[in-house]
Amino acid sequence: MSTLKVGIASYDEMKALTMAVARGQRKLAPHEPRVWFPSTESFAKVLSAGNRDLLSIIAGKAPGSLEELAQLTGRKKSNLSRTLKTMANYGLVRLERGPRGRIAAKVVHDRIELELPLVRRDFCGVNSDGVFKS
């Protein structure tokens, strides 16, 4: 599989970067994150020990439906659905429609790299107003 590069940035920082890229003021380097979490707390919540166990079960057992995954994990289908949609939004899993319309989760990456600056800085050359700084 592959490594997903993620970063932590506020909504304003993510928006400023996205707008700068869209306006052609900024290009993302290959080593830069493509997926952003709004806080370290949200990163920790999505990748909690229980959710990492869930990813391991999906990768190892390849359940063909949410019902089968619920049986394997002992978690309620509604809880799994909500968790998997969040994971899909962050690019951790892909939700695929299978036979008879059943939804199955597939793990997309086997590793994550987190870019986390320890001090505040101009976010990738873009200030919080979305203005590119040269």
C-alpha atoms as a PDB file:
ATOM      1  CA  MET A   1       0.000   0.000   0.000  1.00  0.00           C
ATOM      2  CA  SER A   2       1.130   3.567   0.563  1.00  0.00           C
ATOM      3  CA  THR A   3       1.757   6.347   3.046  1.00  0.00           C
ATOM      4  CA  LEU A   4      -0.755   9.165   3.536  1.00  0.00           C
ATOM      5  CA  LYS A   5       0.901  12.485   4.367  1.00  0.00           C
ATOM      6  CA  VAL A   6      -1.317  14.618   6.635  1.00  0.00           C
ATOM      7  CA  GLY A   7      -0.943  17.957   8.342  1.00  0.00           C
ATOM      8  CA  ILE A   8      -2.584  20.027  11.046  1.00  0.00           C
ATOM      9  CA  ALA A   9      -3.913  23.435  10.049  1.00  0.00           C
ATOM     10  CA  SER A  10      -6.770  25.692  11.065  1.00  0.00           C
ATOM     11  CA  TYR A  11      -9.745  26.110   8.760  1.00  0.00           C
ATOM     12  CA  ASP A  12      -8.487  29.582   7.758  1.00  0.00           C
ATOM     13  CA  GLU A  13      -5.019  28.207   6.951  1.00  0.00           C
ATOM     14  CA  MET A  14      -6.456  25.339   4.888  1.00  0.00           C
ATOM     15  CA  LYS A  15      -8.753  27.738   3.026  1.00  0.00           C
ATOM     16  CA  ALA A  16      -5.917  30.191   2.333  1.00  0.00           C
ATOM     17  CA  LEU A  17      -3.704  27.437   0.940  1.00  0.00           C
ATOM     18  CA  THR A  18      -6.499  25.974  -1.175  1.00  0.00           C
ATOM     19  CA  MET A  19      -7.360  29.383  -2.616  1.00  0.00           C
ATOM     20  CA  ALA A  20      -3.704  30.174  -3.381  1.00  0.00           C
ATOM     21  CA  VAL A  21      -3.352  26.862  -5.216  1.00  0.00           C
ATOM     22  CA  ALA A  22      -6.622  27.470  -7.109  1.00  0.00           C
ATOM     23  CA  ARG A  23      -5.451  30.965  -8.151  1.00  0.00           C
ATOM     24  CA  GLY A  24      -2.142  29.568  -9.348  1.00  0.00           C
ATOM     25  CA  GLN A  25      -0.165  31.529  -6.737  1.00  0.00           C
ATOM     26  CA  ARG A  26       1.144  28.386  -5.110  1.00  0.00           C
ATOM     27  CA  LYS A  27       1.997  24.832  -6.147  1.00  0.00           C
ATOM     28  CA  LEU A  28       2.117  21.992  -3.662  1.00  0.00           C
ATOM     29  CA  ALA A  29       5.424  20.151  -3.526  1.00  0.00           C
ATOM     30  CA  PRO A  30       5.264  16.338  -3.714  1.00  0.00           C
ATOM     31  CA  HIS A  31       6.296  15.996  -0.044  1.00  0.00           C
ATOM     32  CA  GLU A  32       3.538  18.326   1.255  1.00  0.00           C
ATOM     33  CA  PRO A  33       0.347  17.029   2.890  1.00  0.00           C
ATOM     34  CA  ARG A  34      -2.769  16.696   0.784  1.00  0.00           C
ATOM     35  CA  VAL A  35      -5.012  15.889   3.749  1.00  0.00           C
ATOM     36  CA  TRP A  36      -5.463  18.286   6.666  1.00  0.00           C
ATOM     37  CA  PHE A  37      -6.893  17.865  10.147  1.00  0.00           C
ATOM     38  CA  PRO A  38      -8.135  20.998  11.936  1.00  0.00           C
ATOM     39  CA  SER A  39      -6.451  20.068  15.223  1.00  0.00           C
ATOM     40  CA  THR A  40      -4.262  17.484  16.903  1.00  0.00           C
ATOM     41  CA  GLU A  41      -7.323  16.477  18.914  1.00  0.00           C
ATOM     42  CA  SER A  42      -9.314  15.654  15.783  1.00  0.00           C
ATOM     43  CA  PHE A  43      -6.341  13.693  14.401  1.00  0.00           C
ATOM     44  CA  ALA A  44      -6.113  11.709  17.654  1.00  0.00           C
ATOM     45  CA  LYS A  45      -9.860  11.048  17.689  1.00  0.00           C
ATOM     46  CA  VAL A  46     -10.019   9.759  14.115  1.00  0.00           C
ATOM     47  CA  LEU A  47      -6.913   7.613  14.653  1.00  0.00           C
ATOM     48  CA  SER A  48      -7.701   6.395  18.148  1.00  0.00           C
ATOM     49  CA  ALA A  49      -6.543   2.930  19.183  1.00  0.00           C
ATOM     50  CA  GLY A  50     -10.038   1.557  18.556  1.00  0.00           C
ATOM     51  CA  ASN A  51     -10.195   3.063  15.089  1.00  0.00           C
ATOM     52  CA  ARG A  52      -6.726   1.747  14.220  1.00  0.00           C
ATOM     53  CA  ASP A  53      -7.943  -1.699  15.339  1.00  0.00           C
ATOM     54  CA  LEU A  54     -10.935  -1.229  13.037  1.00  0.00           C
ATOM     55  CA  LEU A  55      -8.603  -0.434  10.118  1.00  0.00           C
ATOM     56  CA  SER A  56      -6.569  -3.558  10.906  1.00  0.00           C
ATOM     57  CA  ILE A  57      -9.684  -5.729  10.861  1.00  0.00           C
ATOM     58  CA  ILE A  58     -10.810  -4.229   7.554  1.00  0.00           C
ATOM     59  CA  ALA A  59      -7.356  -4.761   6.005  1.00  0.00           C
ATOM     60  CA  GLY A  60      -6.912  -8.262   7.408  1.00  0.00           C
ATOM     61  CA  LYS A  61     -10.378  -9.773   7.076  1.00  0.00           C
ATOM     62  CA  ALA A  62     -11.753  -7.776   4.079  1.00  0.00           C
ATOM     63  CA  PRO A  63     -15.399  -7.893   5.200  1.00  0.00           C
ATOM     64  CA  GLY A  64     -17.805  -7.609   2.284  1.00  0.00           C
ATOM     65  CA  SER A  65     -20.371  -5.450   4.048  1.00  0.00           C
ATOM     66  CA  LEU A  66     -20.990  -3.219   7.039  1.00  0.00           C
ATOM     67  CA  GLU A  67     -23.085  -6.022   8.536  1.00  0.00           C
ATOM     68  CA  GLU A  68     -20.143  -8.405   8.370  1.00  0.00           C
ATOM     69  CA  LEU A  69     -17.827  -5.743   9.800  1.00  0.00           C
ATOM     70  CA  ALA A  70     -20.279  -5.137  12.658  1.00  0.00           C
ATOM     71  CA  GLN A  71     -20.211  -8.855  13.474  1.00  0.00           C
ATOM     72  CA  LEU A  72     -16.408  -8.947  13.394  1.00  0.00           C
ATOM     73  CA  THR A  73     -16.003  -5.897  15.630  1.00  0.00           C
ATOM     74  CA  GLY A  74     -19.014  -6.052  17.922  1.00  0.00           C
ATOM     75  CA  ARG A  75     -19.798  -2.443  17.021  1.00  0.00           C
ATOM     76  CA  LYS A  76     -23.206  -1.197  15.919  1.00  0.00           C
ATOM     77  CA  LYS A  77     -23.677  -0.705  12.190  1.00  0.00           C
ATOM     78  CA  SER A  78     -24.769   2.934  12.663  1.00  0.00           C
ATOM     79  CA  ASN A  79     -21.601   3.675  14.653  1.00  0.00           C
ATOM     80  CA  LEU A  80     -19.437   1.974  12.031  1.00  0.00           C
ATOM     81  CA  SER A  81     -21.124   3.864   9.223  1.00  0.00           C
ATOM     82  CA  ARG A  82     -20.475   7.227  10.895  1.00  0.00           C
ATOM     83  CA  THR A  83     -16.848   6.344  11.710  1.00  0.00           C
ATOM     84  CA  LEU A  84     -16.149   5.030   8.213  1.00  0.00           C
ATOM     85  CA  LYS A  85     -17.636   8.117   6.549  1.00  0.00           C
ATOM     86  CA  THR A  86     -15.312  10.280   8.644  1.00  0.00           C
ATOM     87  CA  MET A  87     -12.355   8.064   7.731  1.00  0.00           C
ATOM     88  CA  ALA A  88     -13.339   8.223   4.059  1.00  0.00           C
ATOM     89  CA  ASN A  89     -13.436  12.034   4.211  1.00  0.00           C
ATOM     90  CA  TYR A  90      -9.815  11.981   5.408  1.00  0.00           C
ATOM     91  CA  GLY A  91      -8.759   9.464   2.738  1.00  0.00           C
ATOM     92  CA  LEU A  92      -8.124   6.598   5.156  1.00  0.00           C
ATOM     93  CA  VAL A  93     -10.689   4.217   3.652  1.00  0.00           C
ATOM     94  CA  ARG A  94     -12.658   3.927   0.447  1.00  0.00           C
ATOM     95  CA  LEU A  95     -16.322   2.928   0.666  1.00  0.00           C
ATOM     96  CA  GLU A  96     -17.330   0.668  -2.208  1.00  0.00           C
ATOM     97  CA  ARG A  97     -20.760  -0.526  -3.219  1.00  0.00           C
ATOM     98  CA  GLY A  98     -20.724  -4.278  -3.722  1.00  0.00           C
ATOM     99  CA  PRO A  99     -23.234  -6.973  -4.622  1.00  0.00           C
ATOM    100  CA  ARG A 100     -26.847  -6.173  -3.749  1.00  0.00           C
ATOM    101  CA  GLY A 101     -25.879  -2.592  -2.883  1.00  0.00           C
ATOM    102  CA  ARG A 102     -23.890  -3.528   0.195  1.00  0.00           C
ATOM    103  CA  ILE A 103     -21.252  -1.046   1.287  1.00  0.00           C
ATOM    104  CA  ALA A 104     -17.772  -2.394   2.054  1.00  0.00           C
ATOM    105  CA  ALA A 105     -14.800  -0.451   3.399  1.00  0.00           C
ATOM    106  CA  LYS A 106     -11.326  -0.854   1.921  1.00  0.00           C
ATOM    107  CA  VAL A 107      -8.188   0.470   3.622  1.00  0.00           C
ATOM    108  CA  VAL A 108      -6.359   2.827   1.249  1.00  0.00           C
ATOM    109  CA  HIS A 109      -3.055   3.410   3.073  1.00  0.00           C
ATOM    110  CA  ASP A 110      -1.021   1.348   5.509  1.00  0.00           C
ATOM    111  CA  ARG A 111       0.935   4.266   7.045  1.00  0.00           C
ATOM    112  CA  ILE A 112       0.440   7.909   7.976  1.00  0.00           C
ATOM    113  CA  GLU A 113       3.035  10.643   8.217  1.00  0.00           C
ATOM    114  CA  LEU A 114       2.037  13.682  10.251  1.00  0.00           C
ATOM    115  CA  GLU A 115       3.533  17.094   9.552  1.00  0.00           C
ATOM    116  CA  LEU A 116       3.124  19.148  12.708  1.00  0.00           C
ATOM    117  CA  PRO A 117       4.968  22.453  13.084  1.00  0.00           C
ATOM    118  CA  LEU A 118       5.652  23.229  16.732  1.00  0.00           C
ATOM    119  CA  VAL A 119       5.616  27.015  16.294  1.00  0.00           C
ATOM    120  CA  ARG A 120       3.163  29.198  14.407  1.00  0.00           C
ATOM    121  CA  ARG A 121       4.399  30.373  11.025  1.00  0.00           C
ATOM    122  CA  ASP A 122       3.068  31.741   7.788  1.00  0.00           C
ATOM    123  CA  PHE A 123       1.235  28.767   6.414  1.00  0.00           C
ATOM    124  CA  CYS A 124       3.086  27.698   3.297  1.00  0.00           C
ATOM    125  CA  GLY A 125       3.592  31.282   2.149  1.00  0.00           C
ATOM    126  CA  VAL A 126      -0.056  32.254   2.584  1.00  0.00           C
ATOM    127  CA  ASN A 127      -1.294  34.393   5.450  1.00  0.00           C
ATOM    128  CA  SER A 128      -4.648  33.805   7.173  1.00  0.00           C
ATOM    129  CA  ASP A 129      -6.345  36.332   4.842  1.00  0.00           C
ATOM    130  CA  GLY A 130      -5.466  34.165   1.854  1.00  0.00           C
ATOM    131  CA  VAL A 131      -2.845  36.595   0.598  1.00  0.00           C
ATOM    132  CA  PHE A 132       0.208  34.993  -0.956  1.00  0.00           C
ATOM    133  CA  LYS A 133       3.459  36.177   0.631  1.00  0.00           C
ATOM    134  CA  SER A 134       6.492  36.118  -1.614  1.00  0.00           C
END
